[in-house]
Amino acid sequence: MVVFQKVTEAFLLPPGVFVTLFLFMGALWLKKAPRKSLFMFLIAAVFYVLSTLVGILLLLHPLEKSYSCNDLQGAQAVVVLGGGIVKVPDGYQLSVHTTARLLKGLQIAEQKGLPLIVTGGRLPGVDQLPEAEVMKREAISLGFEEHDIIVEPLARTTRENALYTYKIMKEYGLKRIILVTSAVHMKRAVYCFEKIGAVVVPCPTAFLYDYSGVEWVDLLPNKDALNANLSAIHEYFGLMWYKLTDFLR
């Protein structure tokens, strides 16, 4: 009964309902309009891949498995990239991604006795505090010493995270840093930092999908897989855009 309920919900609620819808339309046009039918089946297949483990294996895992957190010796600071903040009635709070990044960065900084650099500004057209300022407040509230926190409040993109952080590195004479960001975002972040000459030790966190093992439910459409795969697509396009613009310069 539980299995039937899970399968039914998966294909009658978003995103699975779109798979069901396009399959139904494809079957409806199968005899009258074979080309339209094939197109509907292809769309259904795309939705299925993007909302299941199939897409995770093809899109997300190659990004999240690019780096692991090791060889931290010799680093002189921990750099945490902002991942968004949320305006709430009583102020600001960190997004889920930023919270995970900051907690990982604080853990490493405390273990290694290193200063913390938090980087992130405000998006264009948005009237809010810079991400880095909110991250600093949260770090202090968790017991991290204020004098060990360096704020970079201007960056609006990953490329600017790297640019402005590298200026801080040169100002403080830092040669090697531990870079903390979401696992799906790490490849693009490392590219940006290394492109300008920074020596980084990648330390990914905030993994988007469960790595405990493959279960049959992973083959059912679900919103977590869809969100994770869309994040992966965003990163692929972002990385390609940076490489293209660097090539054209």
Protein backbone atom coordinates (compact mmCIF):
# COMPACT_ATOMS: atom_id res chain seq x y z
CA MET A 1 0.00 0.00 0.00
CA VAL A 2 2.82 2.39 0.86
CA VAL A 3 4.61 1.58 -2.39
CA PHE A 4 1.43 2.24 -4.38
CA GLN A 5 0.96 5.55 -2.56
CA LYS A 6 4.54 6.66 -3.25
CA VAL A 7 4.34 5.78 -6.94
CA THR A 8 0.95 7.43 -7.35
CA GLU A 9 2.05 10.63 -5.62
CA ALA A 10 5.27 10.73 -7.65
CA PHE A 11 3.41 10.79 -10.96
CA LEU A 12 0.39 12.88 -9.94
CA LEU A 13 2.23 15.71 -8.15
CA PRO A 14 4.84 18.05 -9.62
CA PRO A 15 7.29 17.40 -11.15
CA GLY A 16 6.11 13.87 -11.97
CA VAL A 17 2.72 15.06 -13.17
CA PHE A 18 4.44 16.62 -16.20
CA VAL A 19 5.91 13.24 -17.10
CA THR A 20 2.43 11.74 -16.86
CA LEU A 21 0.88 14.59 -18.84
CA PHE A 22 3.31 14.40 -21.77
CA LEU A 23 3.14 10.60 -21.85
CA PHE A 24 -0.64 10.85 -22.02
CA MET A 25 -0.47 13.41 -24.84
CA GLY A 26 2.05 11.27 -26.70
CA ALA A 27 -0.20 8.22 -26.45
CA LEU A 28 -3.20 10.30 -27.53
CA TRP A 29 -1.45 11.44 -30.74
CA LEU A 30 0.33 8.17 -31.44
CA LYS A 31 -1.78 7.24 -34.47
CA LYS A 32 -3.05 10.63 -35.67
CA ALA A 33 0.17 12.62 -35.37
CA PRO A 34 3.23 10.38 -34.93
CA ARG A 35 5.71 13.27 -35.00
CA LYS A 36 3.84 15.20 -32.31
CA SER A 37 3.57 11.99 -30.35
CA LEU A 38 7.33 11.40 -30.54
CA PHE A 39 7.98 14.98 -29.46
CA MET A 40 5.69 14.54 -26.43
CA PHE A 41 7.47 11.32 -25.48
CA LEU A 42 10.84 13.10 -25.74
CA ILE A 43 9.64 15.90 -23.47
CA ALA A 44 8.35 13.32 -20.98
CA ALA A 45 11.75 11.62 -21.05
CA VAL A 46 13.54 14.93 -20.40
CA PHE A 47 11.28 15.70 -17.44
CA TYR A 48 11.84 12.21 -16.09
CA VAL A 49 15.61 12.43 -16.36
CA LEU A 50 15.73 15.87 -14.73
CA SER A 51 13.53 14.82 -11.81
CA THR A 52 15.11 11.46 -10.91
CA LEU A 53 18.37 9.79 -10.02
CA VAL A 54 19.11 9.39 -13.74
CA GLY A 55 19.74 13.12 -14.01
CA ILE A 56 21.64 13.14 -10.72
CA LEU A 57 24.10 10.57 -12.06
CA LEU A 58 24.49 12.41 -15.37
CA LEU A 59 24.56 16.02 -14.19
CA LEU A 60 25.03 16.50 -10.46
CA HIS A 61 27.43 13.79 -9.36
CA PRO A 62 30.21 14.75 -11.83
CA LEU A 63 30.23 18.23 -10.29
CA GLU A 64 29.89 17.26 -6.63
CA LYS A 65 32.58 14.58 -6.87
CA SER A 66 35.15 16.85 -8.53
CA TYR A 67 36.84 17.69 -5.22
CA SER A 68 37.13 16.38 -1.69
CA CYS A 69 38.17 18.14 1.50
CA ASN A 70 41.72 17.01 2.20
CA ASP A 71 45.33 18.20 2.32
CA LEU A 72 44.49 21.23 4.44
CA GLN A 73 48.06 21.63 5.67
CA GLY A 74 49.77 24.90 4.90
CA ALA A 75 46.62 26.93 4.41
CA GLN A 76 46.64 30.42 5.92
CA ALA A 77 42.94 31.29 5.92
CA VAL A 78 39.48 29.89 5.28
CA VAL A 79 37.37 31.59 2.61
CA VAL A 80 33.60 31.08 2.64
CA LEU A 81 31.56 32.13 -0.38
CA GLY A 82 28.10 33.55 0.23
CA GLY A 83 25.12 31.69 -1.20
CA GLY A 84 22.28 34.08 -0.49
CA ILE A 85 20.47 35.67 2.43
CA VAL A 86 16.78 36.03 3.19
CA LYS A 87 15.01 39.17 4.45
CA VAL A 88 12.71 38.18 7.33
CA PRO A 89 10.42 40.32 9.55
CA ASP A 90 13.08 40.79 12.23
CA GLY A 91 16.11 41.26 10.00
CA TYR A 92 18.14 38.90 7.84
CA GLN A 93 18.95 35.23 7.95
CA LEU A 94 21.33 33.12 5.91
CA SER A 95 19.97 30.88 3.19
CA VAL A 96 20.26 27.13 3.66
CA HIS A 97 23.28 27.01 1.34
CA THR A 98 25.07 29.91 3.04
CA THR A 99 24.42 28.41 6.47
CA ALA A 100 25.97 25.09 5.45
CA ARG A 101 28.98 26.85 3.93
CA LEU A 102 29.54 29.06 6.96
CA LEU A 103 29.25 26.20 9.45
CA LYS A 104 31.80 24.18 7.49
CA GLY A 105 34.13 27.15 7.26
CA LEU A 106 33.85 27.87 10.97
CA GLN A 107 34.54 24.24 11.80
CA ILE A 108 37.73 24.23 9.76
CA ALA A 109 38.87 27.66 10.95
CA GLU A 110 38.47 26.67 14.60
CA GLN A 111 40.19 23.32 14.13
CA LYS A 112 43.13 24.82 12.27
CA GLY A 113 43.30 28.13 14.16
CA LEU A 114 42.89 30.16 10.96
CA PRO A 115 41.23 33.49 10.19
CA LEU A 116 37.93 33.49 8.33
CA ILE A 117 37.25 35.48 5.16
CA VAL A 118 33.57 35.81 4.26
CA THR A 119 32.76 37.13 0.79
CA GLY A 120 29.48 38.26 -0.70
CA GLY A 121 27.81 41.57 -1.50
CA ARG A 122 24.31 42.52 -2.52
CA LEU A 123 22.61 41.70 -5.81
CA PRO A 124 22.02 44.55 -8.27
CA GLY A 125 18.74 46.32 -7.59
CA VAL A 126 18.30 44.73 -4.18
CA ASP A 127 18.35 46.93 -1.10
CA GLN A 128 19.76 44.69 1.58
CA LEU A 129 22.83 44.16 3.74
CA PRO A 130 25.82 42.55 2.02
CA GLU A 131 25.86 38.79 2.50
CA ALA A 132 29.27 38.94 4.11
CA GLU A 133 28.02 41.25 6.87
CA VAL A 134 25.21 38.84 7.75
CA MET A 135 27.67 35.95 7.68
CA LYS A 136 29.97 37.83 10.04
CA ARG A 137 27.13 38.48 12.49
CA GLU A 138 26.17 34.81 12.44
CA ALA A 139 29.77 33.70 12.96
CA ILE A 140 30.13 36.00 15.99
CA SER A 141 26.83 34.74 17.43
CA LEU A 142 28.25 31.22 17.21
CA GLY A 143 31.28 32.21 19.27
CA PHE A 144 33.87 32.97 16.60
CA GLU A 145 36.14 35.89 17.47
CA GLU A 146 35.33 39.09 15.59
CA HIS A 147 38.98 40.03 15.14
CA ASP A 148 39.54 36.78 13.24
CA ILE A 149 36.90 37.61 10.60
CA ILE A 150 37.67 39.53 7.41
CA VAL A 151 34.67 40.82 5.47
CA GLU A 152 34.56 41.22 1.69
CA PRO A 153 31.19 42.94 1.05
CA LEU A 154 31.36 43.86 -2.66
CA ALA A 155 31.25 40.64 -4.69
CA ARG A 156 28.08 40.00 -6.70
CA THR A 157 29.28 37.00 -8.69
CA THR A 158 31.63 34.06 -8.24
CA ARG A 159 34.17 35.81 -10.42
CA GLU A 160 34.01 38.87 -8.16
CA ASN A 161 34.28 36.64 -5.08
CA ALA A 162 37.62 35.51 -6.45
CA LEU A 163 38.77 38.96 -7.58
CA TYR A 164 38.05 40.81 -4.35
CA THR A 165 39.20 37.95 -2.12
CA TYR A 166 42.50 37.78 -4.00
CA LYS A 167 43.05 41.47 -3.25
CA ILE A 168 42.55 40.70 0.44
CA MET A 169 44.97 37.79 0.16
CA LYS A 170 47.66 40.05 -1.28
CA GLU A 171 46.96 42.72 1.34
CA TYR A 172 47.43 40.22 4.18
CA GLY A 173 50.22 38.26 2.51
CA LEU A 174 48.15 35.08 2.19
CA LYS A 175 49.41 32.52 -0.31
CA ARG A 176 47.22 29.47 0.22
CA ILE A 177 43.56 29.38 1.30
CA ILE A 178 40.91 26.79 2.04
CA LEU A 179 37.93 27.48 -0.20
CA VAL A 180 34.50 26.55 1.15
CA THR A 181 31.36 26.54 -0.97
CA SER A 182 28.59 24.18 -2.03
CA ALA A 183 29.83 21.01 -3.73
CA VAL A 184 27.84 21.73 -6.89
CA HIS A 185 29.39 25.20 -7.07
CA MET A 186 32.97 24.23 -6.27
CA LYS A 187 34.19 23.57 -9.82
CA ARG A 188 33.20 27.05 -11.00
CA ALA A 189 34.60 28.64 -7.84
CA VAL A 190 37.96 26.89 -8.16
CA TYR A 191 38.16 27.92 -11.81
CA CYS A 192 37.62 31.58 -10.91
CA PHE A 193 40.14 31.61 -8.06
CA GLU A 194 42.85 29.74 -9.94
CA LYS A 195 42.31 31.88 -13.03
CA ILE A 196 43.49 34.96 -11.15
CA GLY A 197 46.42 33.12 -9.55
CA ALA A 198 45.11 32.13 -6.11
CA VAL A 199 46.25 28.84 -4.60
CA VAL A 200 43.17 27.14 -3.17
CA VAL A 201 42.39 23.97 -1.26
CA PRO A 202 38.78 23.07 -2.17
CA CYS A 203 36.55 21.97 0.68
CA PRO A 204 33.03 21.30 -0.64
CA THR A 205 29.94 21.14 1.54
CA ALA A 206 26.12 21.41 1.22
CA PHE A 207 25.80 18.37 -1.02
CA LEU A 208 22.44 18.40 -2.77
CA TYR A 209 21.58 14.72 -2.97
CA ASP A 210 21.78 11.68 -0.71
CA TYR A 211 24.88 9.54 -1.27
CA SER A 212 23.83 6.70 1.04
CA GLY A 213 22.96 4.36 -1.85
CA VAL A 214 20.50 3.84 -4.67
CA GLU A 215 16.94 2.92 -3.70
CA TRP A 216 13.92 2.30 -5.90
CA VAL A 217 12.33 5.57 -4.75
CA ASP A 218 15.22 7.44 -6.37
CA LEU A 219 13.81 6.37 -9.73
CA LEU A 220 10.54 8.16 -9.01
CA PRO A 221 10.22 11.83 -10.01
CA ASN A 222 10.76 14.14 -7.04
CA LYS A 223 11.33 17.85 -6.48
CA ASP A 224 14.65 17.40 -4.66
CA ALA A 225 16.21 15.71 -7.68
CA LEU A 226 14.74 18.36 -9.99
CA ASN A 227 16.12 21.22 -7.89
CA ALA A 228 19.52 19.53 -7.68
CA ASN A 229 19.70 18.93 -11.42
CA LEU A 230 18.62 22.48 -12.22
CA SER A 231 21.40 23.72 -9.92
CA ALA A 232 23.87 21.52 -11.81
CA ILE A 233 22.70 22.89 -15.17
CA HIS A 234 23.10 26.42 -13.81
CA GLU A 235 26.69 25.61 -12.85
CA TYR A 236 27.54 24.09 -16.24
CA PHE A 237 26.23 27.17 -18.03
CA GLY A 238 28.00 29.47 -15.57
CA LEU A 239 31.31 27.68 -16.05
CA MET A 240 30.96 27.70 -19.83
CA TRP A 241 30.13 31.40 -19.76
CA TYR A 242 33.20 32.24 -17.68
CA LYS A 243 35.47 30.17 -19.93
CA LEU A 244 34.00 31.73 -23.05
CA THR A 245 34.34 35.31 -21.80
CA ASP A 246 37.89 34.61 -20.60
CA PHE A 247 38.75 33.19 -24.03
CA LEU A 248 37.34 36.25 -25.81
CA ARG A 249 39.24 38.75 -23.68
